[in-house]
Amino acid sequence: MSETVTGFRALTANLGRCSRGTGTAERAIGWLADPWLRDYELLFLQECPDLELLASAFEVVVAETGPTYRCRSAVAVRRDSGLVATAIPLRTADYHGSYVAAAKIEGLLSEPVTCLSVHASPTALTAADRASWERIESLPAAREGGGPDANTLWDADLVHETLAGLKPRVLAAGDWNEARAWDDLHPGQTWGLEFFERMKEAGLVDVPHRDWEGERVTREPYQLDHVFASSDIAKRVHSPEVVYSPERIPADHKPIEFFIGGQRASEAH
């Protein structure tokens, strides 16, 4: 029995807010230049501080409409991987702006896959946020949640609406700022339960949770980073692991590595 895992190697990582002025941006830029990153064929990056540097080895897709920020979400494929990435205009791009990037990836599986790099804001929607979304469509129902923020809307609720409106064959990875453990640490609150049930009802599989049979911390004390896939794609997404090295991955969150296609270690001989 071999422990080799096969398939296209993917990584999702929030690189950290480059506006903090704490050296995070410089470290993240150094990481983007590290040859180690080229071990991956597909990247889902959030708060990426230097897209031009990333583009030296990867084809990069970012949101083309909506507000443009210095730190952006990106879907990137390695140039020599054989994968082809084409930007997809999201119906809700005017709201999400640079925080959700979408691309059609050809070559991953037998048919194209809609891939999204997601960064859901950890703050409740402002009146301006709500107005921006309502110019596109009606707002979703708020989660009851509980606690002082009961019945408020969050960006993750709108990201859920975006994904639910896409066609099948979806793979969405990134920083969702949602965790089941929130409920455990806040007795009587159900934010995590309601969010992940909504994702399940939309036909989206939480791949790491399925394979780990639980959560693993990506930013203390929660798992805020997740990989969701429609049921047909989820069957081919496997072997997720939290990977972290302060020297090599100066990310704001511990990244999650996973594979698409090929075989799991337990299946490879």
C-alpha atoms as a PDB file:
ATOM      1  CA  MET A   1       0.000   0.000   0.000  1.00  0.00           C
ATOM      2  CA  SER A   2       1.488   3.333  -1.117  1.00  0.00           C
ATOM      3  CA  GLU A   3       0.869   6.561   0.761  1.00  0.00           C
ATOM      4  CA  THR A   4       1.184   8.595  -2.438  1.00  0.00           C
ATOM      5  CA  VAL A   5      -1.785  10.857  -3.177  1.00  0.00           C
ATOM      6  CA  THR A   6      -2.455  11.616  -6.830  1.00  0.00           C
ATOM      7  CA  GLY A   7      -4.470  14.293  -8.595  1.00  0.00           C
ATOM      8  CA  PHE A   8      -4.146  18.022  -9.072  1.00  0.00           C
ATOM      9  CA  ARG A   9      -2.783  19.624  -5.915  1.00  0.00           C
ATOM     10  CA  ALA A  10      -4.716  22.662  -4.663  1.00  0.00           C
ATOM     11  CA  LEU A  11      -4.305  25.153  -1.818  1.00  0.00           C
ATOM     12  CA  THR A  12      -6.577  27.728  -0.211  1.00  0.00           C
ATOM     13  CA  ALA A  13      -4.960  30.464   1.896  1.00  0.00           C
ATOM     14  CA  ASN A  14      -5.821  33.869   3.314  1.00  0.00           C
ATOM     15  CA  LEU A  15      -2.507  35.709   3.108  1.00  0.00           C
ATOM     16  CA  GLY A  16      -3.435  38.422   5.598  1.00  0.00           C
ATOM     17  CA  ARG A  17      -4.486  42.049   5.398  1.00  0.00           C
ATOM     18  CA  CYS A  18      -1.684  43.933   3.708  1.00  0.00           C
ATOM     19  CA  SER A  19      -2.946  47.219   5.171  1.00  0.00           C
ATOM     20  CA  ARG A  20      -1.935  46.285   8.715  1.00  0.00           C
ATOM     21  CA  GLY A  21       1.626  47.520   8.317  1.00  0.00           C
ATOM     22  CA  THR A  22       3.006  44.671  10.433  1.00  0.00           C
ATOM     23  CA  GLY A  23       5.239  43.085   7.822  1.00  0.00           C
ATOM     24  CA  THR A  24       2.566  40.574   6.842  1.00  0.00           C
ATOM     25  CA  ALA A  25       2.430  41.888   3.278  1.00  0.00           C
ATOM     26  CA  GLU A  26       6.203  41.670   2.826  1.00  0.00           C
ATOM     27  CA  ARG A  27       6.244  38.101   4.120  1.00  0.00           C
ATOM     28  CA  ALA A  28       3.303  37.142   1.921  1.00  0.00           C
ATOM     29  CA  ILE A  29       5.004  38.657  -1.124  1.00  0.00           C
ATOM     30  CA  GLY A  30       8.116  36.618  -0.330  1.00  0.00           C
ATOM     31  CA  TRP A  31       5.963  33.521  -0.075  1.00  0.00           C
ATOM     32  CA  LEU A  32       4.423  34.189  -3.487  1.00  0.00           C
ATOM     33  CA  ALA A  33       7.963  34.159  -4.936  1.00  0.00           C
ATOM     34  CA  ASP A  34       8.958  30.913  -3.188  1.00  0.00           C
ATOM     35  CA  PRO A  35       9.469  28.012  -5.654  1.00  0.00           C
ATOM     36  CA  TRP A  36       7.696  25.773  -3.119  1.00  0.00           C
ATOM     37  CA  LEU A  37       4.402  27.376  -4.143  1.00  0.00           C
ATOM     38  CA  ARG A  38       4.842  25.931  -7.617  1.00  0.00           C
ATOM     39  CA  ASP A  39       4.217  22.452  -6.222  1.00  0.00           C
ATOM     40  CA  TYR A  40       0.529  23.399  -6.546  1.00  0.00           C
ATOM     41  CA  GLU A  41      -1.447  23.411  -9.761  1.00  0.00           C
ATOM     42  CA  LEU A  42      -4.434  25.355  -8.421  1.00  0.00           C
ATOM     43  CA  LEU A  43      -4.588  28.174  -5.840  1.00  0.00           C
ATOM     44  CA  PHE A  44      -7.523  29.808  -4.061  1.00  0.00           C
ATOM     45  CA  LEU A  45      -6.012  32.924  -2.468  1.00  0.00           C
ATOM     46  CA  GLN A  46      -7.605  35.725  -0.473  1.00  0.00           C
ATOM     47  CA  GLU A  47      -6.155  39.116   0.480  1.00  0.00           C
ATOM     48  CA  CYS A  48      -3.382  38.569  -2.021  1.00  0.00           C
ATOM     49  CA  PRO A  49      -0.996  41.551  -1.853  1.00  0.00           C
ATOM     50  CA  ASP A  50       0.864  41.191  -5.178  1.00  0.00           C
ATOM     51  CA  LEU A  51      -1.024  39.792  -8.151  1.00  0.00           C
ATOM     52  CA  GLU A  52       1.737  40.689 -10.619  1.00  0.00           C
ATOM     53  CA  LEU A  53       4.236  38.550  -8.727  1.00  0.00           C
ATOM     54  CA  LEU A  54       1.750  35.684  -8.588  1.00  0.00           C
ATOM     55  CA  ALA A  55       1.224  36.018 -12.340  1.00  0.00           C
ATOM     56  CA  SER A  56       4.905  35.302 -13.004  1.00  0.00           C
ATOM     57  CA  ALA A  57       4.205  31.571 -12.592  1.00  0.00           C
ATOM     58  CA  PHE A  58       0.382  31.345 -12.610  1.00  0.00           C
ATOM     59  CA  GLU A  59      -2.538  32.359 -14.772  1.00  0.00           C
ATOM     60  CA  VAL A  60      -4.555  34.539 -12.394  1.00  0.00           C
ATOM     61  CA  VAL A  61      -8.291  35.259 -12.382  1.00  0.00           C
ATOM     62  CA  VAL A  62      -9.716  38.019 -10.179  1.00  0.00           C
ATOM     63  CA  ALA A  63     -13.082  39.790 -10.047  1.00  0.00           C
ATOM     64  CA  GLU A  64     -13.289  42.162 -13.020  1.00  0.00           C
ATOM     65  CA  THR A  65     -16.252  44.219 -11.803  1.00  0.00           C
ATOM     66  CA  GLY A  66     -17.239  45.865  -8.583  1.00  0.00           C
ATOM     67  CA  PRO A  67     -14.839  47.749  -6.280  1.00  0.00           C
ATOM     68  CA  THR A  68     -11.145  47.006  -6.591  1.00  0.00           C
ATOM     69  CA  TYR A  69      -9.044  46.746  -3.448  1.00  0.00           C
ATOM     70  CA  ARG A  70      -5.329  46.491  -2.887  1.00  0.00           C
ATOM     71  CA  CYS A  71      -5.774  42.981  -1.457  1.00  0.00           C
ATOM     72  CA  ARG A  72      -7.877  40.737  -3.659  1.00  0.00           C
ATOM     73  CA  SER A  73      -9.160  37.195  -3.960  1.00  0.00           C
ATOM     74  CA  ALA A  74      -7.725  35.173  -6.834  1.00  0.00           C
ATOM     75  CA  VAL A  75      -8.074  31.807  -8.522  1.00  0.00           C
ATOM     76  CA  ALA A  76      -4.757  30.829 -10.089  1.00  0.00           C
ATOM     77  CA  VAL A  77      -3.534  27.874 -12.171  1.00  0.00           C
ATOM     78  CA  ARG A  78       0.132  27.039 -12.693  1.00  0.00           C
ATOM     79  CA  ARG A  79       1.201  27.809 -16.252  1.00  0.00           C
ATOM     80  CA  ASP A  80       2.720  24.382 -16.947  1.00  0.00           C
ATOM     81  CA  SER A  81      -0.136  22.417 -15.350  1.00  0.00           C
ATOM     82  CA  GLY A  82      -2.217  21.905 -18.473  1.00  0.00           C
ATOM     83  CA  LEU A  83      -5.162  23.647 -16.812  1.00  0.00           C
ATOM     84  CA  VAL A  84      -6.990  26.504 -18.516  1.00  0.00           C
ATOM     85  CA  ALA A  85      -8.708  29.224 -16.476  1.00  0.00           C
ATOM     86  CA  THR A  86     -11.330  31.601 -17.879  1.00  0.00           C
ATOM     87  CA  ALA A  87     -12.882  34.363 -15.794  1.00  0.00           C
ATOM     88  CA  ILE A  88     -16.601  34.009 -15.047  1.00  0.00           C
ATOM     89  CA  PRO A  89     -18.639  37.172 -14.410  1.00  0.00           C
ATOM     90  CA  LEU A  90     -20.685  36.617 -11.262  1.00  0.00           C
ATOM     91  CA  ARG A  91     -24.252  37.879 -11.198  1.00  0.00           C
ATOM     92  CA  THR A  92     -23.497  39.369  -7.780  1.00  0.00           C
ATOM     93  CA  ALA A  93     -20.083  40.818  -8.614  1.00  0.00           C
ATOM     94  CA  ASP A  94     -21.220  44.386  -8.011  1.00  0.00           C
ATOM     95  CA  TYR A  95     -21.691  43.439  -4.393  1.00  0.00           C
ATOM     96  CA  HIS A  96     -18.827  41.027  -3.829  1.00  0.00           C
ATOM     97  CA  GLY A  97     -16.282  43.019  -5.779  1.00  0.00           C
ATOM     98  CA  SER A  98     -12.738  41.780  -5.218  1.00  0.00           C
ATOM     99  CA  TYR A  99     -13.700  39.397  -2.441  1.00  0.00           C
ATOM    100  CA  VAL A 100     -15.036  36.565  -4.627  1.00  0.00           C
ATOM    101  CA  ALA A 101     -13.183  35.548  -7.795  1.00  0.00           C
ATOM    102  CA  ALA A 102     -14.709  32.984 -10.156  1.00  0.00           C
ATOM    103  CA  ALA A 103     -13.162  30.983 -12.981  1.00  0.00           C
ATOM    104  CA  LYS A 104     -14.100  28.127 -15.276  1.00  0.00           C
ATOM    105  CA  ILE A 105     -11.246  25.615 -15.024  1.00  0.00           C
ATOM    106  CA  GLU A 106     -10.809  23.138 -17.876  1.00  0.00           C
ATOM    107  CA  GLY A 107      -8.596  20.071 -17.528  1.00  0.00           C
ATOM    108  CA  LEU A 108      -9.251  19.331 -13.840  1.00  0.00           C
ATOM    109  CA  LEU A 109     -11.920  16.732 -14.575  1.00  0.00           C
ATOM    110  CA  SER A 110     -13.676  15.471 -17.692  1.00  0.00           C
ATOM    111  CA  GLU A 111     -15.922  18.559 -17.754  1.00  0.00           C
ATOM    112  CA  PRO A 112     -15.201  22.183 -16.773  1.00  0.00           C
ATOM    113  CA  VAL A 113     -15.440  23.109 -13.090  1.00  0.00           C
ATOM    114  CA  THR A 114     -16.618  26.477 -11.765  1.00  0.00           C
ATOM    115  CA  CYS A 115     -14.035  27.450  -9.152  1.00  0.00           C
ATOM    116  CA  LEU A 116     -14.433  30.322  -6.690  1.00  0.00           C
ATOM    117  CA  SER A 117     -11.979  31.868  -4.255  1.00  0.00           C
ATOM    118  CA  VAL A 118     -14.117  33.193  -1.417  1.00  0.00           C
ATOM    119  CA  HIS A 119     -13.496  35.755   1.293  1.00  0.00           C
ATOM    120  CA  ALA A 120     -16.602  36.412   3.392  1.00  0.00           C
ATOM    121  CA  SER A 121     -16.351  39.481   5.588  1.00  0.00           C
ATOM    122  CA  PRO A 122     -16.535  38.823   9.360  1.00  0.00           C
ATOM    123  CA  THR A 123     -18.753  41.850   9.945  1.00  0.00           C
ATOM    124  CA  ALA A 124     -22.513  42.181   9.756  1.00  0.00           C
ATOM    125  CA  LEU A 125     -23.943  43.845   6.648  1.00  0.00           C
ATOM    126  CA  THR A 126     -24.161  47.604   6.740  1.00  0.00           C
ATOM    127  CA  ALA A 127     -27.077  49.563   5.276  1.00  0.00           C
ATOM    128  CA  ALA A 128     -24.889  50.292   2.227  1.00  0.00           C
ATOM    129  CA  ASP A 129     -24.106  46.588   1.837  1.00  0.00           C
ATOM    130  CA  ARG A 130     -27.785  45.744   1.937  1.00  0.00           C
ATOM    131  CA  ALA A 131     -28.636  48.434  -0.597  1.00  0.00           C
ATOM    132  CA  SER A 132     -25.915  47.202  -2.968  1.00  0.00           C
ATOM    133  CA  TRP A 133     -27.252  43.662  -2.817  1.00  0.00           C
ATOM    134  CA  GLU A 134     -30.871  44.741  -3.213  1.00  0.00           C
ATOM    135  CA  ARG A 135     -29.949  46.423  -6.497  1.00  0.00           C
ATOM    136  CA  ILE A 136     -29.163  42.890  -7.709  1.00  0.00           C
ATOM    137  CA  GLU A 137     -31.849  40.771  -6.045  1.00  0.00           C
ATOM    138  CA  SER A 138     -33.831  40.343  -2.840  1.00  0.00           C
ATOM    139  CA  LEU A 139     -31.964  39.743   0.385  1.00  0.00           C
ATOM    140  CA  PRO A 140     -31.976  36.207   1.833  1.00  0.00           C
ATOM    141  CA  ALA A 141     -33.594  35.445   5.164  1.00  0.00           C
ATOM    142  CA  ALA A 142     -31.320  36.160   8.106  1.00  0.00           C
ATOM    143  CA  ARG A 143     -30.222  33.339  10.386  1.00  0.00           C
ATOM    144  CA  GLU A 144     -31.735  33.405  13.849  1.00  0.00           C
ATOM    145  CA  GLY A 145     -28.295  32.760  15.305  1.00  0.00           C
ATOM    146  CA  GLY A 146     -28.951  33.960  18.796  1.00  0.00           C
ATOM    147  CA  GLY A 147     -26.977  36.299  21.039  1.00  0.00           C
ATOM    148  CA  PRO A 148     -26.672  40.061  20.513  1.00  0.00           C
ATOM    149  CA  ASP A 149     -26.445  39.698  16.709  1.00  0.00           C
ATOM    150  CA  ALA A 150     -29.576  37.546  16.317  1.00  0.00           C
ATOM    151  CA  ASN A 151     -31.395  37.906  12.990  1.00  0.00           C
ATOM    152  CA  THR A 152     -28.679  39.981  11.299  1.00  0.00           C
ATOM    153  CA  LEU A 153     -27.244  39.243   7.854  1.00  0.00           C
ATOM    154  CA  TRP A 154     -23.585  38.512   7.208  1.00  0.00           C
ATOM    155  CA  ASP A 155     -21.535  38.403   4.047  1.00  0.00           C
ATOM    156  CA  ALA A 156     -21.384  34.600   4.262  1.00  0.00           C
ATOM    157  CA  ASP A 157     -25.172  34.564   3.843  1.00  0.00           C
ATOM    158  CA  LEU A 158     -24.803  36.440   0.556  1.00  0.00           C
ATOM    159  CA  VAL A 159     -21.942  34.217  -0.601  1.00  0.00           C
ATOM    160  CA  HIS A 160     -24.241  31.262   0.077  1.00  0.00           C
ATOM    161  CA  GLU A 161     -26.888  32.879  -2.130  1.00  0.00           C
ATOM    162  CA  THR A 162     -24.309  33.366  -4.882  1.00  0.00           C
ATOM    163  CA  LEU A 163     -23.254  29.723  -4.806  1.00  0.00           C
ATOM    164  CA  ALA A 164     -26.817  28.427  -4.593  1.00  0.00           C
ATOM    165  CA  GLY A 165     -27.588  30.322  -7.805  1.00  0.00           C
ATOM    166  CA  LEU A 166     -24.717  28.818  -9.797  1.00  0.00           C
ATOM    167  CA  LYS A 167     -25.021  25.756 -11.982  1.00  0.00           C
ATOM    168  CA  PRO A 168     -23.694  22.364 -10.773  1.00  0.00           C
ATOM    169  CA  ARG A 169     -19.996  21.446 -10.876  1.00  0.00           C
ATOM    170  CA  VAL A 170     -18.917  24.092  -8.355  1.00  0.00           C
ATOM    171  CA  LEU A 171     -15.797  24.124  -6.183  1.00  0.00           C
ATOM    172  CA  ALA A 172     -15.514  27.033  -3.737  1.00  0.00           C
ATOM    173  CA  ALA A 173     -12.651  27.420  -1.262  1.00  0.00           C
ATOM    174  CA  GLY A 174     -11.486  30.167   1.018  1.00  0.00           C
ATOM    175  CA  ASP A 175     -12.023  32.136   4.214  1.00  0.00           C
ATOM    176  CA  TRP A 176     -15.721  31.962   5.089  1.00  0.00           C
ATOM    177  CA  ASN A 177     -15.509  33.349   8.649  1.00  0.00           C
ATOM    178  CA  GLU A 178     -17.980  30.658   9.701  1.00  0.00           C
ATOM    179  CA  ALA A 179     -17.357  27.744  12.085  1.00  0.00           C
ATOM    180  CA  ARG A 180     -19.377  25.064  13.804  1.00  0.00           C
ATOM    181  CA  ALA A 181     -17.236  25.579  16.906  1.00  0.00           C
ATOM    182  CA  TRP A 182     -18.730  29.065  17.312  1.00  0.00           C
ATOM    183  CA  ASP A 183     -21.874  27.418  18.653  1.00  0.00           C
ATOM    184  CA  ASP A 184     -19.855  25.251  21.035  1.00  0.00           C
ATOM    185  CA  LEU A 185     -18.105  28.292  22.506  1.00  0.00           C
ATOM    186  CA  HIS A 186     -21.284  30.399  22.625  1.00  0.00           C
ATOM    187  CA  PRO A 187     -23.983  28.291  24.320  1.00  0.00           C
ATOM    188  CA  GLY A 188     -27.453  28.884  22.949  1.00  0.00           C
ATOM    189  CA  GLN A 189     -26.221  30.285  19.616  1.00  0.00           C
ATOM    190  CA  THR A 190     -26.748  28.457  16.315  1.00  0.00           C
ATOM    191  CA  TRP A 191     -24.832  30.506  13.740  1.00  0.00           C
ATOM    192  CA  GLY A 192     -22.620  27.625  12.640  1.00  0.00           C
ATOM    193  CA  LEU A 193     -25.402  25.043  12.609  1.00  0.00           C
ATOM    194  CA  GLU A 194     -27.666  27.210  10.475  1.00  0.00           C
ATOM    195  CA  PHE A 195     -24.950  28.210   8.002  1.00  0.00           C
ATOM    196  CA  PHE A 196     -23.652  24.717   7.315  1.00  0.00           C
ATOM    197  CA  GLU A 197     -27.184  23.326   7.085  1.00  0.00           C
ATOM    198  CA  ARG A 198     -27.961  25.971   4.455  1.00  0.00           C
ATOM    199  CA  MET A 199     -24.882  24.994   2.468  1.00  0.00           C
ATOM    200  CA  LYS A 200     -25.926  21.352   2.648  1.00  0.00           C
ATOM    201  CA  GLU A 201     -29.457  22.198   1.514  1.00  0.00           C
ATOM    202  CA  ALA A 202     -27.912  23.993  -1.477  1.00  0.00           C
ATOM    203  CA  GLY A 203     -26.255  20.690  -2.469  1.00  0.00           C
ATOM    204  CA  LEU A 204     -22.759  21.723  -1.366  1.00  0.00           C
ATOM    205  CA  VAL A 205     -20.511  19.241   0.449  1.00  0.00           C
ATOM    206  CA  ASP A 206     -18.080  20.465   3.118  1.00  0.00           C
ATOM    207  CA  VAL A 207     -15.212  18.243   1.951  1.00  0.00           C
ATOM    208  CA  PRO A 208     -12.765  18.649   4.885  1.00  0.00           C
ATOM    209  CA  HIS A 209     -15.516  18.132   7.448  1.00  0.00           C
ATOM    210  CA  ARG A 210     -16.640  15.017   5.572  1.00  0.00           C
ATOM    211  CA  ASP A 211     -13.147  13.541   5.483  1.00  0.00           C
ATOM    212  CA  TRP A 212     -12.035  14.683   8.953  1.00  0.00           C
ATOM    213  CA  GLU A 213     -15.396  13.929  10.568  1.00  0.00           C
ATOM    214  CA  GLY A 214     -15.064  17.248  12.359  1.00  0.00           C
ATOM    215  CA  GLU A 215     -13.308  20.599  12.251  1.00  0.00           C
ATOM    216  CA  ARG A 216      -9.621  21.487  12.512  1.00  0.00           C
ATOM    217  CA  VAL A 217      -8.418  24.919  13.548  1.00  0.00           C
ATOM    218  CA  THR A 218      -7.224  27.249  10.794  1.00  0.00           C
ATOM    219  CA  ARG A 219      -7.327  30.417  12.892  1.00  0.00           C
ATOM    220  CA  GLU A 220      -7.603  30.103  16.648  1.00  0.00           C
ATOM    221  CA  PRO A 221      -9.946  28.935  17.968  1.00  0.00           C
ATOM    222  CA  TYR A 222     -11.962  28.125  14.825  1.00  0.00           C
ATOM    223  CA  GLN A 223     -11.843  26.513  11.415  1.00  0.00           C
ATOM    224  CA  LEU A 224     -12.762  29.551   9.333  1.00  0.00           C
ATOM    225  CA  ASP A 225     -11.441  28.148   6.038  1.00  0.00           C
ATOM    226  CA  HIS A 226     -13.494  25.615   4.125  1.00  0.00           C
ATOM    227  CA  VAL A 227     -13.674  23.755   0.815  1.00  0.00           C
ATOM    228  CA  PHE A 228     -17.193  23.259  -0.549  1.00  0.00           C
ATOM    229  CA  ALA A 229     -18.085  21.310  -3.678  1.00  0.00           C
ATOM    230  CA  SER A 230     -21.273  20.301  -5.439  1.00  0.00           C
ATOM    231  CA  SER A 231     -21.985  16.608  -4.908  1.00  0.00           C
ATOM    232  CA  ASP A 232     -20.642  15.478  -8.295  1.00  0.00           C
ATOM    233  CA  ILE A 233     -17.350  17.344  -7.801  1.00  0.00           C
ATOM    234  CA  ALA A 234     -17.045  16.410  -4.108  1.00  0.00           C
ATOM    235  CA  LYS A 235     -16.602  12.769  -5.097  1.00  0.00           C
ATOM    236  CA  ARG A 236     -13.331  13.733  -6.789  1.00  0.00           C
ATOM    237  CA  VAL A 237     -12.026  16.153  -4.120  1.00  0.00           C
ATOM    238  CA  HIS A 238     -10.051  14.436  -1.383  1.00  0.00           C
ATOM    239  CA  SER A 239      -7.134  14.259   1.063  1.00  0.00           C
ATOM    240  CA  PRO A 240      -7.514  17.692   2.719  1.00  0.00           C
ATOM    241  CA  GLU A 241      -4.833  18.661   5.242  1.00  0.00           C
ATOM    242  CA  VAL A 242      -4.110  21.777   7.248  1.00  0.00           C
ATOM    243  CA  VAL A 243      -0.588  22.820   6.252  1.00  0.00           C
ATOM    244  CA  TYR A 244       1.359  25.439   8.152  1.00  0.00           C
ATOM    245  CA  SER A 245       4.899  26.631   8.528  1.00  0.00           C
ATOM    246  CA  PRO A 246       5.532  30.138   9.895  1.00  0.00           C
ATOM    247  CA  GLU A 247       8.717  30.347   7.823  1.00  0.00           C
ATOM    248  CA  ARG A 248       7.217  29.172   4.526  1.00  0.00           C
ATOM    249  CA  ILE A 249       3.527  30.085   4.791  1.00  0.00           C
ATOM    250  CA  PRO A 250       3.173  33.541   6.379  1.00  0.00           C
ATOM    251  CA  ALA A 251      -0.583  33.414   5.964  1.00  0.00           C
ATOM    252  CA  ASP A 252      -3.207  35.046   8.138  1.00  0.00           C
ATOM    253  CA  HIS A 253      -4.854  31.606   8.389  1.00  0.00           C
ATOM    254  CA  LYS A 254      -3.445  28.098   8.249  1.00  0.00           C
ATOM    255  CA  PRO A 255      -3.964  26.997   4.625  1.00  0.00           C
ATOM    256  CA  ILE A 256      -5.812  23.856   3.586  1.00  0.00           C
ATOM    257  CA  GLU A 257      -4.250  21.633   0.943  1.00  0.00           C
ATOM    258  CA  PHE A 258      -6.439  19.230  -1.012  1.00  0.00           C
ATOM    259  CA  PHE A 259      -6.451  17.180  -4.218  1.00  0.00           C
ATOM    260  CA  ILE A 260      -8.793  17.004  -7.200  1.00  0.00           C
ATOM    261  CA  GLY A 261      -9.053  13.832  -9.280  1.00  0.00           C
ATOM    262  CA  GLY A 262      -6.563  10.996  -8.961  1.00  0.00           C
ATOM    263  CA  GLN A 263      -6.677   8.812  -5.880  1.00  0.00           C
ATOM    264  CA  ARG A 264      -6.680   9.114  -2.128  1.00  0.00           C
ATOM    265  CA  ALA A 265      -3.729   7.658  -0.274  1.00  0.00           C
ATOM    266  CA  SER A 266      -5.892   4.785   0.981  1.00  0.00           C
ATOM    267  CA  GLU A 267      -6.828   3.878  -2.591  1.00  0.00           C
ATOM    268  CA  ALA A 268      -3.421   4.176  -4.291  1.00  0.00           C
ATOM    269  CA  HIS A 269      -1.261   1.054  -4.692  1.00  0.00           C
END
